[in-house]
Amino acid sequence: MNDDAARLADQLIAAEQEERRRLALALHDGPVQSLSGIALMLDAARAALDAGNVEQAQDLLASVVDRQRDAIRSLRDLSFALEPIILRDQGFVPAVRALAEQLGVSEQIRIDLDVDAGEELAERVQVTLYQIIREALHQSLLRGPPTRVSIAIAALAGGAVETVIEDDGAAERRRRVFEPLEERARAVNGTVEVEPADGHGTVIRVTVPGYTAR
């Protein structure tokens, strides 16, 4: 194994370990905490029934139902973030379009897409870019709702691929905010650059080299 291949293998291992850590934290802080709370509330509801306090037990069970729905929603979102079914079954472009339509309607923002070039990429790269796009959109919403976002994927010289995500929302100067995007990009030996947009907003450039892009 040459030096470049060994370095790439080390980066992939590190990225996978980081992804496992992120997944473990997401599970612990979300569904696991919710299910633990549900178990305690069910114990309290049973104790209330044993004591003949039916009204209290009914109130507790109503809260359990709400928490259970939140846990199901959290698990569904986590599963979708890991690999949305539409990405596996229909392809990269339909998955990105579905994401853009969902956020565009719910957040009342315009999302312009030029991502057809992504359909020719390796499956691992498609999954990574989808995750980066999804996270970048949510970051944009959190730092100041934009009115417009554009996402474009284009081939560069030498077979490399560049994904540009630009918004007109509030600018973000804290580099640590973009570290999760950089970690995901390293899984395919990619790089992330962040710069202010003309006038207002943020531009995120994700570049994947040709030897991993296809």
Protein backbone atom coordinates (compact mmCIF):
# COMPACT_ATOMS: atom_id res chain seq x y z
CA MET A 1 0.00 0.00 0.00
CA ASN A 2 1.52 3.37 -1.03
CA ASP A 3 1.56 6.45 1.19
CA ASP A 4 -1.50 8.07 -0.41
CA ALA A 5 -3.59 4.90 -0.09
CA ALA A 6 -2.48 4.41 3.52
CA ARG A 7 -3.33 8.02 4.35
CA LEU A 8 -6.76 7.67 2.74
CA ALA A 9 -7.42 4.44 4.66
CA ASP A 10 -6.48 6.16 7.94
CA GLN A 11 -8.80 9.07 7.13
CA LEU A 12 -11.68 6.73 6.34
CA ILE A 13 -11.19 4.83 9.61
CA ALA A 14 -11.06 8.08 11.59
CA ALA A 15 -14.20 9.38 9.85
CA GLU A 16 -16.09 6.15 10.53
CA GLN A 17 -15.08 6.25 14.19
CA GLU A 18 -16.26 9.86 14.44
CA GLU A 19 -19.56 8.95 12.77
CA ARG A 20 -20.09 6.13 15.27
CA ARG A 21 -19.41 8.55 18.12
CA ARG A 22 -21.88 11.07 16.69
CA LEU A 23 -24.49 8.34 16.29
CA ALA A 24 -23.99 7.12 19.86
CA LEU A 25 -24.40 10.66 21.23
CA ALA A 26 -27.50 11.27 19.11
CA LEU A 27 -29.09 8.04 20.33
CA HIS A 28 -28.21 8.73 23.98
CA ASP A 29 -29.33 12.35 24.04
CA GLY A 30 -32.51 11.68 22.05
CA PRO A 31 -34.42 8.36 21.93
CA VAL A 32 -32.63 6.71 24.87
CA GLN A 33 -33.42 9.62 27.20
CA SER A 34 -37.03 9.70 25.96
CA LEU A 35 -37.51 5.96 26.48
CA SER A 36 -35.99 6.17 29.96
CA GLY A 37 -38.45 8.95 30.82
CA ILE A 38 -41.32 6.88 29.41
CA ALA A 39 -40.37 3.92 31.61
CA LEU A 40 -40.36 6.12 34.74
CA MET A 41 -43.72 7.65 33.83
CA LEU A 42 -45.26 4.21 33.27
CA ASP A 43 -44.03 3.13 36.70
CA ALA A 44 -45.62 6.26 38.19
CA ALA A 45 -48.88 5.60 36.32
CA ARG A 46 -49.02 2.03 37.63
CA ALA A 47 -48.38 3.27 41.18
CA ALA A 48 -51.17 5.82 40.77
CA LEU A 49 -53.57 3.09 39.62
CA ASP A 50 -52.58 0.87 42.55
CA ALA A 51 -53.36 3.78 44.85
CA GLY A 52 -56.73 4.31 43.19
CA ASN A 53 -55.78 7.68 41.68
CA VAL A 54 -57.22 7.13 38.21
CA GLU A 55 -57.12 10.77 37.14
CA GLN A 56 -53.39 11.08 37.86
CA ALA A 57 -52.73 7.83 36.02
CA GLN A 58 -54.64 9.11 32.98
CA ASP A 59 -52.63 12.34 32.95
CA LEU A 60 -49.38 10.38 33.12
CA LEU A 61 -50.44 8.04 30.30
CA ALA A 62 -51.36 11.01 28.11
CA SER A 63 -47.85 12.40 28.64
CA VAL A 64 -46.37 8.98 27.86
CA VAL A 65 -48.15 8.97 24.50
CA ASP A 66 -46.68 12.38 23.63
CA ARG A 67 -43.18 11.30 24.63
CA GLN A 68 -43.50 8.07 22.69
CA ARG A 69 -44.42 10.02 19.55
CA ASP A 70 -41.42 12.30 20.08
CA ALA A 71 -39.13 9.25 20.42
CA ILE A 72 -40.52 7.70 17.23
CA ARG A 73 -40.05 11.00 15.39
CA SER A 74 -36.49 11.30 16.69
CA LEU A 75 -35.62 7.76 15.57
CA ARG A 76 -37.20 8.37 12.17
CA ASP A 77 -35.20 11.59 11.72
CA LEU A 78 -32.01 9.82 12.78
CA SER A 79 -32.63 6.98 10.33
CA PHE A 80 -33.37 9.47 7.54
CA ALA A 81 -30.18 11.39 8.33
CA LEU A 82 -28.05 8.24 8.12
CA GLU A 83 -29.43 7.18 4.74
CA PRO A 84 -32.84 8.32 3.52
CA ILE A 85 -34.86 5.60 1.83
CA ILE A 86 -35.47 7.80 -1.19
CA LEU A 87 -31.71 8.12 -1.73
CA ARG A 88 -31.33 4.36 -1.83
CA ASP A 89 -34.45 3.63 -3.87
CA GLN A 90 -34.69 6.56 -6.30
CA GLY A 91 -31.28 8.16 -6.42
CA PHE A 92 -29.35 11.22 -5.34
CA VAL A 93 -31.18 13.94 -7.28
CA PRO A 94 -34.71 12.92 -6.14
CA ALA A 95 -33.47 12.74 -2.54
CA VAL A 96 -32.00 16.26 -2.65
CA ARG A 97 -35.12 17.59 -4.37
CA ALA A 98 -37.36 16.01 -1.72
CA LEU A 99 -35.23 17.58 1.03
CA ALA A 100 -35.34 20.99 -0.68
CA GLU A 101 -39.11 20.81 -1.17
CA GLN A 102 -39.70 19.79 2.43
CA LEU A 103 -37.59 22.60 3.91
CA GLY A 104 -38.69 25.11 1.30
CA VAL A 105 -42.35 24.63 2.20
CA SER A 106 -41.93 24.30 5.97
CA GLU A 107 -39.49 27.22 6.30
CA GLN A 108 -40.86 29.37 3.46
CA ILE A 109 -37.55 29.80 1.70
CA ARG A 110 -36.53 29.47 -1.94
CA ILE A 111 -34.05 26.66 -2.63
CA ASP A 112 -32.54 26.57 -6.14
CA LEU A 113 -30.96 23.29 -7.26
CA ASP A 114 -28.45 22.38 -9.94
CA VAL A 115 -27.39 18.94 -8.72
CA ASP A 116 -27.80 16.61 -11.70
CA ALA A 117 -24.03 16.00 -11.75
CA GLY A 118 -24.39 14.26 -8.39
CA GLU A 119 -26.19 11.32 -9.99
CA GLU A 120 -22.92 10.10 -11.54
CA LEU A 121 -20.99 10.00 -8.28
CA ALA A 122 -20.01 6.95 -6.26
CA GLU A 123 -22.67 5.83 -3.78
CA ARG A 124 -20.52 6.63 -0.74
CA VAL A 125 -19.92 10.14 -2.08
CA GLN A 126 -23.63 10.64 -2.74
CA VAL A 127 -24.51 9.69 0.83
CA THR A 128 -21.80 12.00 2.21
CA LEU A 129 -22.83 14.95 0.05
CA TYR A 130 -26.49 14.45 0.93
CA GLN A 131 -25.63 14.52 4.64
CA ILE A 132 -23.50 17.65 4.17
CA ILE A 133 -26.24 19.42 2.20
CA ARG A 134 -28.84 18.50 4.82
CA GLU A 135 -26.67 19.69 7.70
CA ALA A 136 -25.65 22.89 5.89
CA LEU A 137 -29.31 23.75 5.27
CA HIS A 138 -30.21 23.24 8.92
CA GLN A 139 -27.20 25.32 9.99
CA SER A 140 -28.35 28.11 7.70
CA LEU A 141 -31.81 28.06 9.26
CA LEU A 142 -30.38 28.15 12.79
CA ARG A 143 -28.01 31.08 12.30
CA GLY A 144 -30.66 33.33 10.72
CA PRO A 145 -33.46 32.28 8.39
CA PRO A 146 -32.42 32.93 4.79
CA THR A 147 -34.86 33.82 2.04
CA ARG A 148 -32.87 31.98 -0.63
CA VAL A 149 -30.45 29.06 -0.80
CA SER A 150 -28.73 27.70 -3.90
CA ILE A 151 -27.08 24.29 -4.19
CA ALA A 152 -24.97 23.41 -7.22
CA ILE A 153 -22.75 20.44 -8.05
CA ALA A 154 -20.24 20.67 -10.89
CA ALA A 155 -17.31 18.68 -12.27
CA LEU A 156 -13.84 20.26 -12.05
CA ALA A 157 -10.65 19.57 -13.93
CA GLY A 158 -9.13 16.18 -13.22
CA GLY A 159 -12.45 14.57 -12.30
CA ALA A 160 -12.91 16.38 -8.99
CA VAL A 161 -16.41 17.49 -8.00
CA GLU A 162 -17.38 20.72 -6.26
CA THR A 163 -20.60 21.28 -4.32
CA VAL A 164 -21.46 24.92 -3.56
CA ILE A 165 -24.13 25.79 -0.98
CA GLU A 166 -24.88 29.51 -0.78
CA ASP A 167 -27.45 31.33 1.35
CA ASP A 168 -28.41 34.93 2.01
CA GLY A 169 -29.00 34.46 5.73
CA ALA A 170 -26.90 35.65 8.64
CA ALA A 171 -23.18 35.09 8.23
CA GLU A 172 -21.41 32.62 10.53
CA ARG A 173 -17.86 33.40 11.68
CA ARG A 174 -17.35 30.58 14.17
CA ARG A 175 -15.29 27.88 12.46
CA ARG A 176 -16.33 25.18 14.93
CA VAL A 177 -19.87 25.37 13.56
CA PHE A 178 -18.60 23.91 10.28
CA GLU A 179 -16.44 21.19 11.82
CA PRO A 180 -19.17 18.52 11.43
CA LEU A 181 -19.23 19.25 7.69
CA GLU A 182 -15.46 18.92 7.51
CA GLU A 183 -15.58 15.60 9.37
CA ARG A 184 -18.13 14.22 6.93
CA ALA A 185 -16.12 15.44 3.94
CA ARG A 186 -12.98 13.71 5.22
CA ALA A 187 -14.82 10.38 4.91
CA VAL A 188 -14.41 10.73 1.12
CA ASN A 189 -11.11 12.62 1.32
CA GLY A 190 -12.90 15.87 0.59
CA THR A 191 -12.35 19.40 1.83
CA VAL A 192 -14.67 22.18 2.99
CA GLU A 193 -14.12 25.91 2.51
CA VAL A 194 -16.37 28.58 3.99
CA GLU A 195 -16.46 32.21 2.90
CA PRO A 196 -18.86 35.18 3.15
CA ALA A 197 -21.23 35.60 0.24
CA ASP A 198 -21.33 38.83 -1.75
CA GLY A 199 -23.21 41.34 0.34
CA HIS A 200 -24.72 38.97 2.88
CA GLY A 201 -24.78 35.29 3.70
CA THR A 202 -22.43 32.31 3.55
CA VAL A 203 -20.86 30.18 0.82
CA ILE A 204 -19.80 26.60 1.59
CA ARG A 205 -17.61 24.81 -0.98
CA VAL A 206 -17.15 21.06 -0.70
CA THR A 207 -14.55 19.56 -3.02
CA VAL A 208 -14.18 15.81 -3.54
CA PRO A 209 -11.13 14.58 -5.50
CA GLY A 210 -11.62 12.58 -8.68
CA TYR A 211 -10.16 9.36 -7.30
CA THR A 212 -12.96 9.08 -4.74
CA ALA A 213 -15.76 10.94 -6.54
CA ARG A 214 -16.41 8.12 -9.01
